[in-house]
Amino acid sequence: MLTEINPKLPMRNKAITRDFYLNKLGFQEFGSADYDGYLMVQKDSIQIHFFEFKELDPKENYGQVYIRTDDIEALYHFVKDKNVNSTELEHKLWMQREFSILDPDSNLLTFGQNLF
C-alpha cells in the first residue's frame, strides 16, 4: 500500500537551496546526516528532497510540485512577508485557491486549498 510521497527536485547549490527553503519558506532540515549532494526538508507533514545537479539550466527545469494546504491565506501572507516572489492568490476553475512560486533553481511550487 502507498502511504506518502516525497518529491525529489534538482538543485544546483545545496547551500542556496537550504537557505531558501529554511529561511524563506519556513521548512526545517530533515534527517541527522549531512549527505553530500542531497538535501531533505520538511514542513508540517510534507517532505521535499533535493539532489545535486550542478549542470542544471534553470530556464530548462520543469520540476514541479503541487502542495495542498488547509490555510492558503496564512501561507500566502507568510510567503509575501518573507519577500518571496509569487503569483497572486487566485480562485481557479477546478475549485482551488492557488498561488505559485519558483525556487532558486526554477522548481515550480504551487500551493492550493479546496474551495468546498
PDB file of N, CA and C in Angstrom:
ATOM      1  N   MET A   1       0.823  -1.186   0.000  1.00  0.00           N
ATOM      2  CA  MET A   1       0.000   0.000   0.000  1.00  0.00           C
ATOM      3  C   MET A   1       0.873   1.258   0.000  1.00  0.00           C
ATOM      4  N   LEU A   2       0.443   2.256  -0.702  1.00  0.00           N
ATOM      5  CA  LEU A   2       1.147   3.533  -0.738  1.00  0.00           C
ATOM      6  C   LEU A   2       0.781   4.346   0.499  1.00  0.00           C
ATOM      7  N   THR A   3       1.759   5.003   1.098  1.00  0.00           N
ATOM      8  CA  THR A   3       1.478   5.767   2.318  1.00  0.00           C
ATOM      9  C   THR A   3       1.830   7.242   2.228  1.00  0.00           C
ATOM     10  N   GLU A   4       2.769   7.615   1.389  1.00  0.00           N
ATOM     11  CA  GLU A   4       3.124   9.027   1.235  1.00  0.00           C
ATOM     12  C   GLU A   4       4.003   9.191   0.013  1.00  0.00           C
ATOM     13  N   ILE A   5       4.248  10.443  -0.342  1.00  0.00           N
ATOM     14  CA  ILE A   5       5.126  10.737  -1.468  1.00  0.00           C
ATOM     15  C   ILE A   5       6.081  11.851  -1.052  1.00  0.00           C
ATOM     16  N   ASN A   6       7.336  11.698  -1.438  1.00  0.00           N
ATOM     17  CA  ASN A   6       8.356  12.710  -1.158  1.00  0.00           C
ATOM     18  C   ASN A   6       9.029  13.069  -2.475  1.00  0.00           C
ATOM     19  N   PRO A   7       8.596  14.157  -3.093  1.00  0.00           N
ATOM     20  CA  PRO A   7       9.178  14.522  -4.388  1.00  0.00           C
ATOM     21  C   PRO A   7      10.664  14.819  -4.284  1.00  0.00           C
ATOM     22  N   LYS A   8      11.391  14.504  -5.358  1.00  0.00           N
ATOM     23  CA  LYS A   8      12.811  14.814  -5.467  1.00  0.00           C
ATOM     24  C   LYS A   8      12.984  15.824  -6.593  1.00  0.00           C
ATOM     25  N   LEU A   9      13.574  16.951  -6.255  1.00  0.00           N
ATOM     26  CA  LEU A   9      13.771  18.032  -7.220  1.00  0.00           C
ATOM     27  C   LEU A   9      15.257  18.317  -7.380  1.00  0.00           C
ATOM     28  N   PRO A  10      15.654  18.828  -8.548  1.00  0.00           N
ATOM     29  CA  PRO A  10      17.066  19.150  -8.748  1.00  0.00           C
ATOM     30  C   PRO A  10      17.458  20.462  -8.070  1.00  0.00           C
ATOM     31  N   MET A  11      18.719  20.535  -7.658  1.00  0.00           N
ATOM     32  CA  MET A  11      19.286  21.773  -7.108  1.00  0.00           C
ATOM     33  C   MET A  11      20.707  21.912  -7.634  1.00  0.00           C
ATOM     34  N   ARG A  12      21.094  23.152  -7.879  1.00  0.00           N
ATOM     35  CA  ARG A  12      22.465  23.403  -8.322  1.00  0.00           C
ATOM     36  C   ARG A  12      23.408  23.598  -7.149  1.00  0.00           C
ATOM     37  N   ASN A  13      22.927  24.231  -6.081  1.00  0.00           N
ATOM     38  CA  ASN A  13      23.777  24.596  -4.955  1.00  0.00           C
ATOM     39  C   ASN A  13      23.025  24.311  -3.660  1.00  0.00           C
ATOM     40  N   LYS A  14      23.525  23.366  -2.894  1.00  0.00           N
ATOM     41  CA  LYS A  14      22.844  22.930  -1.672  1.00  0.00           C
ATOM     42  C   LYS A  14      22.674  24.060  -0.660  1.00  0.00           C
ATOM     43  N   ALA A  15      23.698  24.889  -0.488  1.00  0.00           N
ATOM     44  CA  ALA A  15      23.621  25.983   0.491  1.00  0.00           C
ATOM     45  C   ALA A  15      22.530  26.988   0.120  1.00  0.00           C
ATOM     46  N   ILE A  16      22.413  27.315  -1.164  1.00  0.00           N
ATOM     47  CA  ILE A  16      21.393  28.266  -1.621  1.00  0.00           C
ATOM     48  C   ILE A  16      19.999  27.662  -1.463  1.00  0.00           C
ATOM     49  N   THR A  17      19.849  26.396  -1.840  1.00  0.00           N
ATOM     50  CA  THR A  17      18.551  25.723  -1.708  1.00  0.00           C
ATOM     51  C   THR A  17      18.160  25.617  -0.238  1.00  0.00           C
ATOM     52  N   ARG A  18      19.077  25.211   0.611  1.00  0.00           N
ATOM     53  CA  ARG A  18      18.803  25.103   2.045  1.00  0.00           C
ATOM     54  C   ARG A  18      18.371  26.460   2.601  1.00  0.00           C
ATOM     55  N   ASP A  19      19.091  27.504   2.276  1.00  0.00           N
ATOM     56  CA  ASP A  19      18.764  28.835   2.773  1.00  0.00           C
ATOM     57  C   ASP A  19      17.364  29.260   2.335  1.00  0.00           C
ATOM     58  N   PHE A  20      17.014  29.051   1.079  1.00  0.00           N
ATOM     59  CA  PHE A  20      15.706  29.448   0.569  1.00  0.00           C
ATOM     60  C   PHE A  20      14.588  28.720   1.293  1.00  0.00           C
ATOM     61  N   TYR A  21      14.681  27.409   1.386  1.00  0.00           N
ATOM     62  CA  TYR A  21      13.595  26.632   1.987  1.00  0.00           C
ATOM     63  C   TYR A  21      13.500  26.836   3.499  1.00  0.00           C
ATOM     64  N   LEU A  22      14.633  26.965   4.184  1.00  0.00           N
ATOM     65  CA  LEU A  22      14.595  27.150   5.628  1.00  0.00           C
ATOM     66  C   LEU A  22      14.246  28.586   6.012  1.00  0.00           C
ATOM     67  N   ASN A  23      14.870  29.556   5.373  1.00  0.00           N
ATOM     68  CA  ASN A  23      14.713  30.952   5.793  1.00  0.00           C
ATOM     69  C   ASN A  23      13.606  31.712   5.083  1.00  0.00           C
ATOM     70  N   LYS A  24      13.221  31.287   3.905  1.00  0.00           N
ATOM     71  CA  LYS A  24      12.154  31.979   3.174  1.00  0.00           C
ATOM     72  C   LYS A  24      10.811  31.268   3.280  1.00  0.00           C
ATOM     73  N   LEU A  25      10.832  29.928   3.317  1.00  0.00           N
ATOM     74  CA  LEU A  25       9.577  29.175   3.312  1.00  0.00           C
ATOM     75  C   LEU A  25       9.264  28.508   4.650  1.00  0.00           C
ATOM     76  N   GLY A  26      10.176  28.584   5.606  1.00  0.00           N
ATOM     77  CA  GLY A  26       9.895  28.062   6.936  1.00  0.00           C
ATOM     78  C   GLY A  26      10.009  26.553   7.086  1.00  0.00           C
ATOM     79  N   PHE A  27      10.706  25.889   6.179  1.00  0.00           N
ATOM     80  CA  PHE A  27      10.948  24.456   6.317  1.00  0.00           C
ATOM     81  C   PHE A  27      12.062  24.234   7.338  1.00  0.00           C
ATOM     82  N   GLN A  28      12.214  22.982   7.748  1.00  0.00           N
ATOM     83  CA  GLN A  28      13.316  22.562   8.598  1.00  0.00           C
ATOM     84  C   GLN A  28      14.063  21.456   7.882  1.00  0.00           C
ATOM     85  N   GLU A  29      15.357  21.368   8.161  1.00  0.00           N
ATOM     86  CA  GLU A  29      16.119  20.274   7.573  1.00  0.00           C
ATOM     87  C   GLU A  29      15.681  18.972   8.232  1.00  0.00           C
ATOM     88  N   PHE A  30      15.574  17.923   7.437  1.00  0.00           N
ATOM     89  CA  PHE A  30      15.127  16.616   7.907  1.00  0.00           C
ATOM     90  C   PHE A  30      16.307  15.663   7.902  1.00  0.00           C
ATOM     91  N   GLY A  31      16.387  14.831   8.914  1.00  0.00           N
ATOM     92  CA  GLY A  31      17.454  13.843   8.986  1.00  0.00           C
ATOM     93  C   GLY A  31      18.658  14.383   9.737  1.00  0.00           C
ATOM     94  N   SER A  32      19.457  13.483  10.227  1.00  0.00           N
ATOM     95  CA  SER A  32      20.597  13.889  11.040  1.00  0.00           C
ATOM     96  C   SER A  32      21.913  13.876  10.271  1.00  0.00           C
ATOM     97  N   ALA A  33      21.930  13.318   9.093  1.00  0.00           N
ATOM     98  CA  ALA A  33      23.168  13.234   8.315  1.00  0.00           C
ATOM     99  C   ALA A  33      23.212  14.320   7.256  1.00  0.00           C
ATOM    100  N   ASP A  34      24.368  14.898   7.061  1.00  0.00           N
ATOM    101  CA  ASP A  34      24.567  15.897   6.012  1.00  0.00           C
ATOM    102  C   ASP A  34      25.120  15.171   4.786  1.00  0.00           C
ATOM    103  N   TYR A  35      24.210  14.680   3.961  1.00  0.00           N
ATOM    104  CA  TYR A  35      24.605  13.904   2.794  1.00  0.00           C
ATOM    105  C   TYR A  35      25.169  14.804   1.713  1.00  0.00           C
ATOM    106  N   ASP A  36      26.256  14.375   1.128  1.00  0.00           N
ATOM    107  CA  ASP A  36      26.872  15.121   0.042  1.00  0.00           C
ATOM    108  C   ASP A  36      25.948  15.094  -1.175  1.00  0.00           C
ATOM    109  N   GLY A  37      25.588  16.285  -1.660  1.00  0.00           N
ATOM    110  CA  GLY A  37      24.777  16.368  -2.870  1.00  0.00           C
ATOM    111  C   GLY A  37      23.316  16.020  -2.688  1.00  0.00           C
ATOM    112  N   TYR A  38      22.830  15.960  -1.456  1.00  0.00           N
ATOM    113  CA  TYR A  38      21.432  15.598  -1.201  1.00  0.00           C
ATOM    114  C   TYR A  38      20.932  16.410  -0.017  1.00  0.00           C
ATOM    115  N   LEU A  39      19.668  16.848  -0.103  1.00  0.00           N
ATOM    116  CA  LEU A  39      19.066  17.660   0.945  1.00  0.00           C
ATOM    117  C   LEU A  39      17.630  17.205   1.138  1.00  0.00           C
ATOM    118  N   MET A  40      17.210  17.115   2.400  1.00  0.00           N
ATOM    119  CA  MET A  40      15.823  16.782   2.725  1.00  0.00           C
ATOM    120  C   MET A  40      15.290  17.864   3.656  1.00  0.00           C
ATOM    121  N   VAL A  41      14.121  18.414   3.307  1.00  0.00           N
ATOM    122  CA  VAL A  41      13.489  19.429   4.149  1.00  0.00           C
ATOM    123  C   VAL A  41      12.056  18.997   4.430  1.00  0.00           C
ATOM    124  N   GLN A  42      11.518  19.498   5.538  1.00  0.00           N
ATOM    125  CA  GLN A  42      10.133  19.188   5.880  1.00  0.00           C
ATOM    126  C   GLN A  42       9.464  20.402   6.494  1.00  0.00           C
ATOM    127  N   LYS A  43       8.163  20.449   6.322  1.00  0.00           N
ATOM    128  CA  LYS A  43       7.322  21.455   6.954  1.00  0.00           C
ATOM    129  C   LYS A  43       5.974  20.788   7.202  1.00  0.00           C
ATOM    130  N   ASP A  44       5.527  20.873   8.440  1.00  0.00           N
ATOM    131  CA  ASP A  44       4.292  20.204   8.834  1.00  0.00           C
ATOM    132  C   ASP A  44       4.392  18.733   8.449  1.00  0.00           C
ATOM    133  N   SER A  45       3.524  18.227   7.602  1.00  0.00           N
ATOM    134  CA  SER A  45       3.562  16.794   7.291  1.00  0.00           C
ATOM    135  C   SER A  45       4.085  16.483   5.891  1.00  0.00           C
ATOM    136  N   ILE A  46       4.803  17.421   5.277  1.00  0.00           N
ATOM    137  CA  ILE A  46       5.367  17.117   3.956  1.00  0.00           C
ATOM    138  C   ILE A  46       6.893  17.190   3.987  1.00  0.00           C
ATOM    139  N   GLN A  47       7.499  16.448   3.086  1.00  0.00           N
ATOM    140  CA  GLN A  47       8.940  16.490   2.870  1.00  0.00           C
ATOM    141  C   GLN A  47       9.194  16.732   1.388  1.00  0.00           C
ATOM    142  N   ILE A  48      10.263  17.458   1.114  1.00  0.00           N
ATOM    143  CA  ILE A  48      10.768  17.592  -0.249  1.00  0.00           C
ATOM    144  C   ILE A  48      12.241  17.227  -0.196  1.00  0.00           C
ATOM    145  N   HIS A  49      12.675  16.406  -1.141  1.00  0.00           N
ATOM    146  CA  HIS A  49      14.069  16.005  -1.240  1.00  0.00           C
ATOM    147  C   HIS A  49      14.685  16.684  -2.466  1.00  0.00           C
ATOM    148  N   PHE A  50      15.975  16.943  -2.394  1.00  0.00           N
ATOM    149  CA  PHE A  50      16.701  17.587  -3.492  1.00  0.00           C
ATOM    150  C   PHE A  50      17.967  16.796  -3.784  1.00  0.00           C
ATOM    151  N   PHE A  51      18.270  16.656  -5.057  1.00  0.00           N
ATOM    152  CA  PHE A  51      19.511  16.024  -5.482  1.00  0.00           C
ATOM    153  C   PHE A  51      20.340  17.054  -6.245  1.00  0.00           C
ATOM    154  N   GLU A  52      21.644  16.957  -6.082  1.00  0.00           N
ATOM    155  CA  GLU A  52      22.541  17.908  -6.736  1.00  0.00           C
ATOM    156  C   GLU A  52      22.596  17.652  -8.238  1.00  0.00           C
ATOM    157  N   PHE A  53      22.422  18.733  -8.991  1.00  0.00           N
ATOM    158  CA  PHE A  53      22.501  18.695 -10.447  1.00  0.00           C
ATOM    159  C   PHE A  53      23.146  20.014 -10.853  1.00  0.00           C
ATOM    160  N   LYS A  54      24.476  20.072 -10.738  1.00  0.00           N
ATOM    161  CA  LYS A  54      25.212  21.320 -10.943  1.00  0.00           C
ATOM    162  C   LYS A  54      25.064  21.880 -12.351  1.00  0.00           C
ATOM    163  N   GLU A  55      24.819  21.017 -13.328  1.00  0.00           N
ATOM    164  CA  GLU A  55      24.703  21.458 -14.719  1.00  0.00           C
ATOM    165  C   GLU A  55      23.288  21.910 -15.078  1.00  0.00           C
ATOM    166  N   LEU A  56      22.386  21.910 -14.130  1.00  0.00           N
ATOM    167  CA  LEU A  56      21.005  22.293 -14.390  1.00  0.00           C
ATOM    168  C   LEU A  56      20.923  23.709 -14.950  1.00  0.00           C
ATOM    169  N   ASP A  57      20.202  23.851 -16.035  1.00  0.00           N
ATOM    170  CA  ASP A  57      19.889  25.175 -16.578  1.00  0.00           C
ATOM    171  C   ASP A  57      18.490  25.525 -16.086  1.00  0.00           C
ATOM    172  N   PRO A  58      18.367  26.501 -15.159  1.00  0.00           N
ATOM    173  CA  PRO A  58      17.049  26.823 -14.614  1.00  0.00           C
ATOM    174  C   PRO A  58      16.003  27.160 -15.670  1.00  0.00           C
ATOM    175  N   LYS A  59      16.433  27.675 -16.808  1.00  0.00           N
ATOM    176  CA  LYS A  59      15.486  28.002 -17.874  1.00  0.00           C
ATOM    177  C   LYS A  59      14.899  26.749 -18.516  1.00  0.00           C
ATOM    178  N   GLU A  60      15.528  25.595 -18.282  1.00  0.00           N
ATOM    179  CA  GLU A  60      15.060  24.345 -18.863  1.00  0.00           C
ATOM    180  C   GLU A  60      14.580  23.367 -17.794  1.00  0.00           C
ATOM    181  N   ASN A  61      14.353  23.856 -16.585  1.00  0.00           N
ATOM    182  CA  ASN A  61      13.913  22.987 -15.493  1.00  0.00           C
ATOM    183  C   ASN A  61      12.390  22.925 -15.464  1.00  0.00           C
ATOM    184  N   TYR A  62      11.869  21.710 -15.473  1.00  0.00           N
ATOM    185  CA  TYR A  62      10.426  21.516 -15.431  1.00  0.00           C
ATOM    186  C   TYR A  62       9.971  20.870 -14.117  1.00  0.00           C
ATOM    187  N   GLY A  63      10.838  20.913 -13.083  1.00  0.00           N
ATOM    188  CA  GLY A  63      10.472  20.356 -11.787  1.00  0.00           C
ATOM    189  C   GLY A  63       9.262  21.092 -11.216  1.00  0.00           C
ATOM    190  N   GLN A  64       8.252  20.335 -10.796  1.00  0.00           N
ATOM    191  CA  GLN A  64       7.023  20.931 -10.264  1.00  0.00           C
ATOM    192  C   GLN A  64       6.474  20.074  -9.135  1.00  0.00           C
ATOM    193  N   VAL A  65       5.901  20.746  -8.132  1.00  0.00           N
ATOM    194  CA  VAL A  65       5.232  20.063  -7.031  1.00  0.00           C
ATOM    195  C   VAL A  65       3.961  20.839  -6.711  1.00  0.00           C
ATOM    196  N   TYR A  66       2.868  20.107  -6.502  1.00  0.00           N
ATOM    197  CA  TYR A  66       1.619  20.711  -6.050  1.00  0.00           C
ATOM    198  C   TYR A  66       1.452  20.339  -4.582  1.00  0.00           C
ATOM    199  N   ILE A  67       1.326  21.345  -3.720  1.00  0.00           N
ATOM    200  CA  ILE A  67       1.250  21.128  -2.279  1.00  0.00           C
ATOM    201  C   ILE A  67      -0.095  21.644  -1.780  1.00  0.00           C
ATOM    202  N   ARG A  68      -0.857  20.773  -1.168  1.00  0.00           N
ATOM    203  CA  ARG A  68      -2.150  21.166  -0.605  1.00  0.00           C
ATOM    204  C   ARG A  68      -1.960  21.705   0.806  1.00  0.00           C
ATOM    205  N   THR A  69      -2.783  22.687   1.146  1.00  0.00           N
ATOM    206  CA  THR A  69      -2.755  23.295   2.464  1.00  0.00           C
ATOM    207  C   THR A  69      -4.182  23.464   2.966  1.00  0.00           C
ATOM    208  N   ASP A  70      -4.321  23.622   4.278  1.00  0.00           N
ATOM    209  CA  ASP A  70      -5.651  23.889   4.831  1.00  0.00           C
ATOM    210  C   ASP A  70      -5.788  25.340   5.286  1.00  0.00           C
ATOM    211  N   ASP A  71      -4.765  26.177   4.980  1.00  0.00           N
ATOM    212  CA  ASP A  71      -4.829  27.605   5.315  1.00  0.00           C
ATOM    213  C   ASP A  71      -4.033  28.402   4.285  1.00  0.00           C
ATOM    214  N   ILE A  72      -4.583  28.490   3.085  1.00  0.00           N
ATOM    215  CA  ILE A  72      -3.892  29.140   1.972  1.00  0.00           C
ATOM    216  C   ILE A  72      -3.631  30.618   2.243  1.00  0.00           C
ATOM    217  N   GLU A  73      -4.560  31.282   2.919  1.00  0.00           N
ATOM    218  CA  GLU A  73      -4.395  32.714   3.220  1.00  0.00           C
ATOM    219  C   GLU A  73      -3.158  32.945   4.085  1.00  0.00           C
ATOM    220  N   ALA A  74      -3.032  32.190   5.172  1.00  0.00           N
ATOM    221  CA  ALA A  74      -1.895  32.364   6.077  1.00  0.00           C
ATOM    222  C   ALA A  74      -0.578  32.052   5.367  1.00  0.00           C
ATOM    223  N   LEU A  75      -0.567  30.991   4.571  1.00  0.00           N
ATOM    224  CA  LEU A  75       0.647  30.622   3.847  1.00  0.00           C
ATOM    225  C   LEU A  75       1.024  31.702   2.840  1.00  0.00           C
ATOM    226  N   TYR A  76       0.050  32.202   2.121  1.00  0.00           N
ATOM    227  CA  TYR A  76       0.306  33.258   1.135  1.00  0.00           C
ATOM    228  C   TYR A  76       0.895  34.496   1.822  1.00  0.00           C
ATOM    229  N   HIS A  77       0.331  34.906   2.941  1.00  0.00           N
ATOM    230  CA  HIS A  77       0.839  36.085   3.648  1.00  0.00           C
ATOM    231  C   HIS A  77       2.221  35.826   4.246  1.00  0.00           C
ATOM    232  N   PHE A  78       2.470  34.606   4.709  1.00  0.00           N
ATOM    233  CA  PHE A  78       3.792  34.241   5.212  1.00  0.00           C
ATOM    234  C   PHE A  78       4.845  34.402   4.112  1.00  0.00           C
ATOM    235  N   VAL A  79       4.544  33.870   2.935  1.00  0.00           N
ATOM    236  CA  VAL A  79       5.467  33.953   1.797  1.00  0.00           C
ATOM    237  C   VAL A  79       5.697  35.416   1.397  1.00  0.00           C
ATOM    238  N   LYS A  80       4.629  36.193   1.346  1.00  0.00           N
ATOM    239  CA  LYS A  80       4.755  37.611   0.987  1.00  0.00           C
ATOM    240  C   LYS A  80       5.578  38.370   2.022  1.00  0.00           C
ATOM    241  N   ASP A  81       5.373  38.070   3.309  1.00  0.00           N
ATOM    242  CA  ASP A  81       6.133  38.730   4.373  1.00  0.00           C
ATOM    243  C   ASP A  81       7.623  38.413   4.292  1.00  0.00           C
ATOM    244  N   LYS A  82       7.970  37.269   3.699  1.00  0.00           N
ATOM    245  CA  LYS A  82       9.373  36.877   3.519  1.00  0.00           C
ATOM    246  C   LYS A  82       9.943  37.399   2.203  1.00  0.00           C
ATOM    247  N   ASN A  83       9.162  38.217   1.484  1.00  0.00           N
ATOM    248  CA  ASN A  83       9.578  38.805   0.202  1.00  0.00           C
ATOM    249  C   ASN A  83       9.919  37.763  -0.857  1.00  0.00           C
ATOM    250  N   VAL A  84       9.153  36.685  -0.862  1.00  0.00           N
ATOM    251  CA  VAL A  84       9.298  35.670  -1.899  1.00  0.00           C
ATOM    252  C   VAL A  84       8.369  36.052  -3.051  1.00  0.00           C
ATOM    253  N   ASN A  85       8.907  36.100  -4.257  1.00  0.00           N
ATOM    254  CA  ASN A  85       8.076  36.390  -5.426  1.00  0.00           C
ATOM    255  C   ASN A  85       7.090  35.256  -5.642  1.00  0.00           C
ATOM    256  N   SER A  86       5.837  35.623  -5.864  1.00  0.00           N
ATOM    257  CA  SER A  86       4.815  34.613  -6.099  1.00  0.00           C
ATOM    258  C   SER A  86       3.780  35.169  -7.061  1.00  0.00           C
ATOM    259  N   THR A  87       2.972  34.252  -7.573  1.00  0.00           N
ATOM    260  CA  THR A  87       1.800  34.683  -8.329  1.00  0.00           C
ATOM    261  C   THR A  87       0.775  35.205  -7.327  1.00  0.00           C
ATOM    262  N   GLU A  88      -0.264  35.810  -7.830  1.00  0.00           N
ATOM    263  CA  GLU A  88      -1.354  36.264  -6.955  1.00  0.00           C
ATOM    264  C   GLU A  88      -2.147  35.048  -6.475  1.00  0.00           C
ATOM    265  N   LEU A  89      -2.756  35.170  -5.342  1.00  0.00           N
ATOM    266  CA  LEU A  89      -3.661  34.141  -4.832  1.00  0.00           C
ATOM    267  C   LEU A  89      -4.948  34.222  -5.641  1.00  0.00           C
ATOM    268  N   GLU A  90      -5.313  33.116  -6.297  1.00  0.00           N
ATOM    269  CA  GLU A  90      -6.443  33.131  -7.226  1.00  0.00           C
ATOM    270  C   GLU A  90      -7.405  31.982  -6.965  1.00  0.00           C
ATOM    271  N   HIS A  91      -8.672  32.219  -7.306  1.00  0.00           N
ATOM    272  CA  HIS A  91      -9.675  31.162  -7.366  1.00  0.00           C
ATOM    273  C   HIS A  91      -9.569  30.532  -8.751  1.00  0.00           C
ATOM    274  N   LYS A  92      -9.414  29.224  -8.806  1.00  0.00           N
ATOM    275  CA  LYS A  92      -9.284  28.513 -10.070  1.00  0.00           C
ATOM    276  C   LYS A  92     -10.592  27.802 -10.418  1.00  0.00           C
ATOM    277  N   LEU A  93     -10.781  27.550 -11.702  1.00  0.00           N
ATOM    278  CA  LEU A  93     -11.991  26.880 -12.170  1.00  0.00           C
ATOM    279  C   LEU A  93     -12.142  25.481 -11.582  1.00  0.00           C
ATOM    280  N   TRP A  94     -11.040  24.860 -11.198  1.00  0.00           N
ATOM    281  CA  TRP A  94     -11.084  23.498 -10.660  1.00  0.00           C
ATOM    282  C   TRP A  94     -11.296  23.499  -9.141  1.00  0.00           C
ATOM    283  N   MET A  95     -11.920  24.584  -8.642  1.00  0.00           N
ATOM    284  CA  MET A  95     -12.357  24.712  -7.250  1.00  0.00           C
ATOM    285  C   MET A  95     -11.198  24.689  -6.242  1.00  0.00           C
ATOM    286  N   GLN A  96     -10.140  25.395  -6.603  1.00  0.00           N
ATOM    287  CA  GLN A  96      -8.982  25.549  -5.722  1.00  0.00           C
ATOM    288  C   GLN A  96      -8.642  27.028  -5.602  1.00  0.00           C
ATOM    289  N   ARG A  97      -8.078  27.426  -4.471  1.00  0.00           N
ATOM    290  CA  ARG A  97      -7.405  28.721  -4.342  1.00  0.00           C
ATOM    291  C   ARG A  97      -5.926  28.388  -4.391  1.00  0.00           C
ATOM    292  N   GLU A  98      -5.194  29.071  -5.253  1.00  0.00           N
ATOM    293  CA  GLU A  98      -3.803  28.704  -5.506  1.00  0.00           C
ATOM    294  C   GLU A  98      -2.915  29.928  -5.672  1.00  0.00           C
ATOM    295  N   PHE A  99      -1.627  29.693  -5.384  1.00  0.00           N
ATOM    296  CA  PHE A  99      -0.559  30.601  -5.793  1.00  0.00           C
ATOM    297  C   PHE A  99       0.689  29.754  -6.022  1.00  0.00           C
ATOM    298  N   SER A 100       1.635  30.301  -6.757  1.00  0.00           N
ATOM    299  CA  SER A 100       2.845  29.561  -7.104  1.00  0.00           C
ATOM    300  C   SER A 100       4.078  30.407  -6.874  1.00  0.00           C
ATOM    301  N   ILE A 101       5.194  29.718  -6.639  1.00  0.00           N
ATOM    302  CA  ILE A 101       6.497  30.366  -6.535  1.00  0.00           C
ATOM    303  C   ILE A 101       7.512  29.531  -7.306  1.00  0.00           C
ATOM    304  N   LEU A 102       8.616  30.152  -7.658  1.00  0.00           N
ATOM    305  CA  LEU A 102       9.763  29.447  -8.222  1.00  0.00           C
ATOM    306  C   LEU A 102      10.889  29.492  -7.204  1.00  0.00           C
ATOM    307  N   ASP A 103      11.538  28.353  -6.972  1.00  0.00           N
ATOM    308  CA  ASP A 103      12.680  28.349  -6.069  1.00  0.00           C
ATOM    309  C   ASP A 103      13.922  28.795  -6.846  1.00  0.00           C
ATOM    310  N   PRO A 104      15.094  28.871  -6.221  1.00  0.00           N
ATOM    311  CA  PRO A 104      16.296  29.367  -6.915  1.00  0.00           C
ATOM    312  C   PRO A 104      16.694  28.588  -8.160  1.00  0.00           C
ATOM    313  N   ASP A 105      16.198  27.359  -8.306  1.00  0.00           N
ATOM    314  CA  ASP A 105      16.524  26.552  -9.484  1.00  0.00           C
ATOM    315  C   ASP A 105      15.360  26.432 -10.446  1.00  0.00           C
ATOM    316  N   SER A 106      14.349  27.270 -10.264  1.00  0.00           N
ATOM    317  CA  SER A 106      13.140  27.311 -11.097  1.00  0.00           C
ATOM    318  C   SER A 106      12.265  26.072 -10.955  1.00  0.00           C
ATOM    319  N   ASN A 107      12.344  25.395  -9.806  1.00  0.00           N
ATOM    320  CA  ASN A 107      11.341  24.379  -9.491  1.00  0.00           C
ATOM    321  C   ASN A 107      10.066  25.125  -9.133  1.00  0.00           C
ATOM    322  N   LEU A 108       8.952  24.733  -9.748  1.00  0.00           N
ATOM    323  CA  LEU A 108       7.676  25.392  -9.520  1.00  0.00           C
ATOM    324  C   LEU A 108       6.955  24.731  -8.354  1.00  0.00           C
ATOM    325  N   LEU A 109       6.650  25.528  -7.332  1.00  0.00           N
ATOM    326  CA  LEU A 109       5.859  25.054  -6.195  1.00  0.00           C
ATOM    327  C   LEU A 109       4.516  25.744  -6.261  1.00  0.00           C
ATOM    328  N   THR A 110       3.452  24.963  -6.413  1.00  0.00           N
ATOM    329  CA  THR A 110       2.095  25.506  -6.415  1.00  0.00           C
ATOM    330  C   THR A 110       1.416  25.046  -5.144  1.00  0.00           C
ATOM    331  N   PHE A 111       0.829  25.994  -4.432  1.00  0.00           N
ATOM    332  CA  PHE A 111       0.135  25.724  -3.183  1.00  0.00           C
ATOM    333  C   PHE A 111      -1.361  25.902  -3.433  1.00  0.00           C
ATOM    334  N   GLY A 112      -2.167  24.956  -2.957  1.00  0.00           N
ATOM    335  CA  GLY A 112      -3.596  25.034  -3.205  1.00  0.00           C
ATOM    336  C   GLY A 112      -4.438  24.575  -2.034  1.00  0.00           C
ATOM    337  N   GLN A 113      -5.654  25.116  -1.973  1.00  0.00           N
ATOM    338  CA  GLN A 113      -6.636  24.714  -0.975  1.00  0.00           C
ATOM    339  C   GLN A 113      -7.982  24.546  -1.655  1.00  0.00           C
ATOM    340  N   ASN A 114      -8.698  23.484  -1.282  1.00  0.00           N
ATOM    341  CA  ASN A 114     -10.038  23.250  -1.817  1.00  0.00           C
ATOM    342  C   ASN A 114     -10.965  24.398  -1.444  1.00  0.00           C
ATOM    343  N   LEU A 115     -11.838  24.785  -2.367  1.00  0.00           N
ATOM    344  CA  LEU A 115     -12.812  25.826  -2.109  1.00  0.00           C
ATOM    345  C   LEU A 115     -14.102  25.296  -1.503  1.00  0.00           C
ATOM    346  N   PHE A 116     -14.268  24.003  -1.441  1.00  0.00           N
ATOM    347  CA  PHE A 116     -15.511  23.449  -0.902  1.00  0.00           C
ATOM    348  C   PHE A 116     -15.266  22.728   0.393  1.00  0.00           C
TER     349      PHE A 116
END
